[in-house]
Amino acid sequence: MSRRLVAVAIAIAVGAGGQAGRIAPAAAQPAGAPADARARKLLDAGEALFAEQEYREAIKVLLPVTRDAAASRADRVRAWELIALARFILDDRPGARDAFERVLEIDPGFQLRDRSGSPRIRTFFDEIRRTVVGDTAAAAVDLEHAAPRAATAGTRLELEIRAVRGGAAVVEVVILHRPVGALAYATAPARAHGDARWRGTIGLPPARRPYTIEYYLEARGPGGSVLARVAAPDAPLMMEVGPGGSEPRPWYGRWYTIAGAAAVAAGATGAVIWATRGPDDGSLPPGRVTITP
């Protein structure tokens, strides 16, 4: 088995047709703890029913996830997506449209993850997406990214992104990354390297203990519109970072600080000693000065 995992993000094409949607292998799917165990359990059950083509039952199980305030944003988006697909397959076009609109209201940069690759579903979603987010954000772009399994702290990690379709529409590609537990993503631009390829680097802070970073990739068009993603803000890719590099020592542990502190302490001690000794012998003849009251 390859030591590299391939994550593929499919952007949505305007108009009919389009190639079948591709998804990353299960091992490369973004990982993370769910916000609510109950919602996660229902989502898993709904996905299983959908895979078994029990579409009506899947909808019944998934709807509570969309109403659960404790469910994560990513879980609610996935639940609405499955509901939309199930309703479309059941020939409930108004219901499917409503569900897809809810998906795009939550995440305007959402990329369809339909495994069937049905041109009919793709075209239907394209029309809704164009209505909700506009034509600019509906360009046809497919991204491919080879995700490393791990990295080492204190180094610079290089990531490569390739547009397998629609690269001419891409104005910029960015890497959004953060350590697990941080609130905000940092942005690192990727440089174009020809042949619809971009490369970007993430600086990994040195550390004595392993840590984890999470990241996702965006291809953007004019005005910063999102054309395609690999992973998503609420469902990023995860990467383990092993210990490495030279972690800065605290200021009070540096040798010159300790030496300086010792010198100050010695000076202070000397001042005390000299202050308690009293006057020295004089230097004038006959060599001593006597002070009387």
Protein backbone atom coordinates (compact mmCIF):
# COMPACT_ATOMS: atom_id res chain seq x y z
CA MET A 1 0.00 0.00 0.00
CA SER A 2 1.28 3.50 -0.81
CA ARG A 3 2.75 5.50 2.03
CA ARG A 4 0.98 8.59 0.76
CA LEU A 5 -2.72 9.28 1.01
CA VAL A 6 -4.58 10.97 -1.78
CA ALA A 7 -7.36 13.39 -0.93
CA VAL A 8 -9.42 14.63 -3.84
CA ALA A 9 -11.78 17.61 -3.77
CA ILE A 10 -14.28 17.94 -6.59
CA ALA A 11 -15.50 21.41 -7.49
CA ILE A 12 -18.81 21.81 -9.22
CA ALA A 13 -19.09 22.33 -12.99
CA VAL A 14 -21.65 24.68 -14.53
CA GLY A 15 -23.99 23.00 -16.97
CA ALA A 16 -24.86 19.38 -17.72
CA GLY A 17 -22.54 16.42 -17.62
CA GLY A 18 -19.22 16.29 -15.84
CA GLN A 19 -17.11 13.41 -14.66
CA ALA A 20 -18.09 11.18 -11.78
CA GLY A 21 -17.39 12.58 -8.37
CA ARG A 22 -14.28 11.13 -6.77
CA ILE A 23 -13.71 10.82 -3.06
CA ALA A 24 -10.63 10.23 -0.98
CA PRO A 25 -9.92 6.76 0.37
CA ALA A 26 -11.34 6.20 3.83
CA ALA A 27 -7.91 6.50 5.46
CA ALA A 28 -7.47 10.01 4.08
CA GLN A 29 -10.79 11.37 5.18
CA PRO A 30 -10.59 14.25 7.66
CA ALA A 31 -10.76 13.09 11.23
CA GLY A 32 -11.90 14.81 14.38
CA ALA A 33 -13.97 14.33 17.47
CA PRO A 34 -17.69 15.06 16.96
CA ALA A 35 -19.31 17.90 18.88
CA ASP A 36 -22.09 15.63 20.11
CA ALA A 37 -21.98 11.84 20.39
CA ARG A 38 -25.73 11.48 19.83
CA ALA A 39 -25.65 13.44 16.58
CA ARG A 40 -22.59 11.54 15.40
CA LYS A 41 -24.28 8.21 16.12
CA LEU A 42 -27.39 9.23 14.16
CA LEU A 43 -25.27 10.47 11.27
CA ASP A 44 -23.40 7.16 11.11
CA ALA A 45 -26.70 5.29 11.14
CA GLY A 46 -28.12 7.52 8.41
CA GLU A 47 -25.04 7.01 6.22
CA ALA A 48 -25.36 3.24 6.65
CA LEU A 49 -29.06 3.31 5.65
CA PHE A 50 -28.25 5.49 2.65
CA ALA A 51 -25.53 3.05 1.54
CA GLU A 52 -28.10 0.24 1.82
CA GLN A 53 -30.49 2.28 -0.37
CA GLU A 54 -32.99 2.63 2.48
CA TYR A 55 -33.53 6.25 1.51
CA ARG A 56 -36.78 6.97 3.35
CA GLU A 57 -35.44 5.52 6.60
CA ALA A 58 -32.18 7.42 6.11
CA ILE A 59 -34.08 10.71 5.88
CA LYS A 60 -35.98 9.96 9.11
CA VAL A 61 -32.74 9.22 10.97
CA LEU A 62 -30.81 12.18 9.53
CA LEU A 63 -33.38 14.95 10.06
CA PRO A 64 -32.80 15.09 13.86
CA VAL A 65 -29.10 15.74 13.20
CA THR A 66 -29.99 18.90 11.26
CA ARG A 67 -32.06 20.16 14.23
CA ASP A 68 -29.58 19.28 16.96
CA ALA A 69 -27.98 22.49 18.24
CA ALA A 70 -25.12 20.46 19.69
CA ALA A 71 -24.26 18.84 16.34
CA SER A 72 -21.15 20.19 14.66
CA ARG A 73 -21.47 22.33 11.54
CA ALA A 74 -19.75 19.62 9.49
CA ASP A 75 -22.19 16.96 10.70
CA ARG A 76 -25.19 19.13 9.87
CA VAL A 77 -23.84 19.81 6.38
CA ARG A 78 -23.28 16.10 5.78
CA ALA A 79 -26.76 15.23 7.03
CA TRP A 80 -28.38 17.79 4.72
CA GLU A 81 -26.32 16.54 1.79
CA LEU A 82 -27.45 12.94 2.30
CA ILE A 83 -31.05 14.07 2.75
CA ALA A 84 -30.83 16.05 -0.52
CA LEU A 85 -29.41 13.07 -2.40
CA ALA A 86 -32.01 10.70 -0.93
CA ARG A 87 -34.86 13.04 -1.86
CA PHE A 88 -33.50 13.43 -5.38
CA ILE A 89 -33.31 9.67 -5.82
CA LEU A 90 -36.89 9.40 -4.52
CA ASP A 91 -37.89 11.93 -7.20
CA ASP A 92 -38.72 14.61 -4.62
CA ARG A 93 -37.16 17.55 -6.49
CA PRO A 94 -38.59 20.35 -4.26
CA GLY A 95 -37.36 18.53 -1.15
CA ALA A 96 -33.94 17.92 -2.69
CA ARG A 97 -33.67 21.57 -3.71
CA ASP A 98 -34.56 22.75 -0.20
CA ALA A 99 -31.95 20.44 1.36
CA PHE A 100 -29.20 21.53 -1.06
CA GLU A 101 -30.04 25.18 -0.42
CA ARG A 102 -29.63 24.57 3.31
CA VAL A 103 -26.23 22.99 2.65
CA LEU A 104 -25.07 26.03 0.67
CA GLU A 105 -26.45 28.47 3.24
CA ILE A 106 -24.32 26.79 5.90
CA ASP A 107 -21.26 26.42 3.66
CA PRO A 108 -21.21 28.46 0.42
CA GLY A 109 -17.96 26.75 -0.58
CA PHE A 110 -19.44 23.26 -0.26
CA GLN A 111 -18.28 20.67 -2.79
CA LEU A 112 -20.65 17.86 -3.78
CA ARG A 113 -19.48 14.43 -2.57
CA ASP A 114 -21.93 12.24 -4.46
CA ARG A 115 -20.26 8.86 -5.02
CA SER A 116 -22.49 7.85 -7.90
CA GLY A 117 -21.15 10.50 -10.24
CA SER A 118 -24.63 10.92 -11.73
CA PRO A 119 -24.70 13.74 -14.33
CA ARG A 120 -28.35 14.38 -13.42
CA ILE A 121 -27.51 15.00 -9.75
CA ARG A 122 -24.52 17.10 -10.68
CA THR A 123 -26.51 19.26 -13.07
CA PHE A 124 -29.32 19.68 -10.53
CA PHE A 125 -26.85 20.77 -7.85
CA ASP A 126 -25.05 23.11 -10.29
CA GLU A 127 -28.28 24.99 -10.97
CA ILE A 128 -29.01 25.41 -7.25
CA ARG A 129 -25.45 26.45 -6.49
CA ARG A 130 -25.47 29.04 -9.25
CA THR A 131 -28.68 30.49 -7.80
CA VAL A 132 -27.45 30.55 -4.20
CA VAL A 133 -23.78 31.56 -4.57
CA GLY A 134 -23.64 33.03 -8.08
CA ASP A 135 -21.87 32.17 -11.33
CA THR A 136 -18.40 33.30 -10.23
CA ALA A 137 -18.13 30.63 -7.55
CA ALA A 138 -19.48 27.89 -9.82
CA ALA A 139 -16.47 27.40 -12.10
CA ALA A 140 -15.49 23.82 -12.93
CA VAL A 141 -12.35 23.00 -10.95
CA ASP A 142 -11.16 19.64 -9.65
CA LEU A 143 -8.26 19.53 -7.19
CA GLU A 144 -5.97 16.68 -6.22
CA HIS A 145 -3.65 16.63 -3.22
CA ALA A 146 -1.24 14.00 -1.92
CA ALA A 147 -1.36 14.27 1.87
CA PRO A 148 1.74 13.15 3.80
CA ARG A 149 1.15 10.86 6.76
CA ALA A 150 3.38 12.76 9.19
CA ALA A 151 5.98 15.48 9.56
CA THR A 152 8.75 16.56 11.94
CA ALA A 153 8.67 19.65 14.15
CA GLY A 154 11.23 22.34 13.43
CA THR A 155 11.05 21.81 9.66
CA ARG A 156 9.14 23.28 6.75
CA LEU A 157 6.51 20.97 5.31
CA GLU A 158 5.91 21.27 1.55
CA LEU A 159 2.48 20.44 0.13
CA GLU A 160 1.55 20.11 -3.53
CA ILE A 161 -1.85 20.73 -5.08
CA ARG A 162 -2.81 19.98 -8.67
CA ALA A 163 -5.85 21.04 -10.66
CA VAL A 164 -6.90 18.03 -12.69
CA ARG A 165 -9.59 20.13 -14.34
CA GLY A 166 -10.29 23.84 -14.69
CA GLY A 167 -6.90 25.13 -13.55
CA ALA A 168 -7.14 28.18 -15.83
CA ALA A 169 -9.97 29.56 -13.68
CA VAL A 170 -7.85 29.49 -10.50
CA VAL A 171 -6.39 32.82 -9.40
CA GLU A 172 -4.73 31.57 -6.22
CA VAL A 173 -4.37 28.48 -4.04
CA VAL A 174 -3.94 28.78 -0.28
CA ILE A 175 -3.20 26.41 2.60
CA LEU A 176 -5.15 27.12 5.79
CA HIS A 177 -3.61 25.46 8.83
CA ARG A 178 -3.54 25.53 12.62
CA PRO A 179 -2.41 23.38 15.56
CA VAL A 180 -5.25 21.31 16.99
CA GLY A 181 -6.90 23.40 19.69
CA ALA A 182 -6.22 26.78 18.07
CA LEU A 183 -9.25 28.86 17.10
CA ALA A 184 -8.05 30.56 13.92
CA TYR A 185 -6.46 29.18 10.77
CA ALA A 186 -3.25 30.73 9.47
CA THR A 187 -3.02 31.19 5.71
CA ALA A 188 -0.04 30.18 3.60
CA PRO A 189 -0.09 30.99 -0.12
CA ALA A 190 0.91 28.28 -2.59
CA ARG A 191 3.13 29.21 -5.54
CA ALA A 192 2.24 28.24 -9.11
CA HIS A 193 4.71 25.82 -10.68
CA GLY A 194 3.21 25.34 -14.13
CA ASP A 195 1.16 22.44 -15.44
CA ALA A 196 -1.71 23.51 -13.12
CA ARG A 197 0.36 22.73 -10.02
CA TRP A 198 0.91 24.74 -6.86
CA ARG A 199 3.30 24.21 -3.96
CA GLY A 200 3.14 25.76 -0.54
CA THR A 201 4.98 25.32 2.74
CA ILE A 202 3.93 25.28 6.38
CA GLY A 203 6.48 26.17 9.05
CA LEU A 204 6.24 23.63 11.86
CA PRO A 205 7.33 25.07 15.22
CA PRO A 206 9.99 23.05 17.09
CA ALA A 207 8.71 20.97 19.98
CA ARG A 208 9.95 18.35 22.40
CA ARG A 209 6.65 16.50 22.28
CA PRO A 210 4.52 15.41 19.30
CA TYR A 211 1.53 17.49 18.30
CA THR A 212 -1.11 17.53 15.56
CA ILE A 213 -1.93 20.11 12.93
CA GLU A 214 -5.08 20.33 10.84
CA TYR A 215 -5.38 21.95 7.45
CA TYR A 216 -7.43 22.32 4.29
CA LEU A 217 -6.76 23.74 0.83
CA GLU A 218 -8.70 26.24 -1.24
CA ALA A 219 -8.53 27.20 -4.90
CA ARG A 220 -9.91 30.70 -5.33
CA GLY A 221 -11.16 32.69 -8.28
CA PRO A 222 -11.68 36.41 -8.88
CA GLY A 223 -12.70 38.32 -5.79
CA GLY A 224 -11.61 35.45 -3.52
CA SER A 225 -14.54 33.21 -4.43
CA VAL A 226 -13.97 29.57 -3.47
CA LEU A 227 -13.80 27.37 -6.57
CA ALA A 228 -12.70 24.10 -4.96
CA ARG A 229 -11.50 22.68 -1.67
CA VAL A 230 -9.58 19.74 -0.32
CA ALA A 231 -11.25 19.08 3.07
CA ALA A 232 -13.05 21.98 4.79
CA PRO A 233 -12.80 24.33 7.79
CA ASP A 234 -15.05 22.08 9.88
CA ALA A 235 -13.62 18.84 8.54
CA PRO A 236 -9.90 19.41 7.98
CA LEU A 237 -7.17 16.94 7.19
CA MET A 238 -5.10 15.93 10.22
CA MET A 239 -1.35 15.43 10.35
CA GLU A 240 0.81 14.12 13.19
CA VAL A 241 3.98 16.13 13.83
CA GLY A 242 6.81 14.34 15.59
CA PRO A 243 9.18 16.06 18.06
CA GLY A 244 12.18 17.84 16.64
CA GLY A 245 14.08 21.09 16.28
CA SER A 246 15.51 23.25 19.02
CA GLU A 247 12.77 24.65 21.20
CA PRO A 248 13.81 28.10 22.56
CA ARG A 249 14.85 28.06 26.21
CA PRO A 250 13.23 30.53 28.61
CA TRP A 251 15.13 33.83 29.00
CA TYR A 252 15.96 33.08 32.60
CA GLY A 253 17.73 29.86 31.65
CA ARG A 254 20.25 31.31 29.21
CA TRP A 255 23.89 31.18 30.32
CA TYR A 256 24.51 34.89 29.84
CA THR A 257 21.47 35.77 31.92
CA ILE A 258 22.63 33.47 34.71
CA ALA A 259 26.18 34.88 34.48
CA GLY A 260 24.86 38.43 34.54
CA ALA A 261 22.68 37.68 37.54
CA ALA A 262 25.64 36.13 39.34
CA ALA A 263 27.75 39.21 38.66
CA VAL A 264 25.04 41.49 40.00
CA ALA A 265 24.70 39.30 43.09
CA ALA A 266 28.46 39.31 43.63
CA GLY A 267 28.58 43.08 43.28
CA ALA A 268 25.77 43.50 45.76
CA THR A 269 27.53 41.20 48.25
CA GLY A 270 30.76 43.10 47.81
CA ALA A 271 29.01 46.39 48.44
CA VAL A 272 27.67 45.03 51.71
CA ILE A 273 31.10 43.79 52.79
CA TRP A 274 32.83 47.04 51.98
CA ALA A 275 30.14 49.02 53.73
CA THR A 276 30.76 47.11 56.98
CA ARG A 277 34.55 47.27 56.99
CA GLY A 278 34.97 50.95 57.86
CA PRO A 279 37.78 53.23 56.54
CA ASP A 280 41.10 51.78 55.23
CA ASP A 281 44.55 52.79 56.24
CA GLY A 282 45.50 56.12 54.71
CA SER A 283 48.21 56.54 52.11
CA LEU A 284 49.75 59.76 53.46
CA PRO A 285 52.87 59.67 55.65
CA PRO A 286 53.34 58.16 58.08
CA GLY A 287 50.89 55.79 56.45
CA ARG A 288 48.05 55.98 58.94
CA VAL A 289 45.45 58.58 59.80
CA THR A 290 43.86 58.59 63.24
CA ILE A 291 40.43 60.06 63.56
CA THR A 292 39.43 61.31 67.00
CA PRO A 293 36.15 62.56 68.16
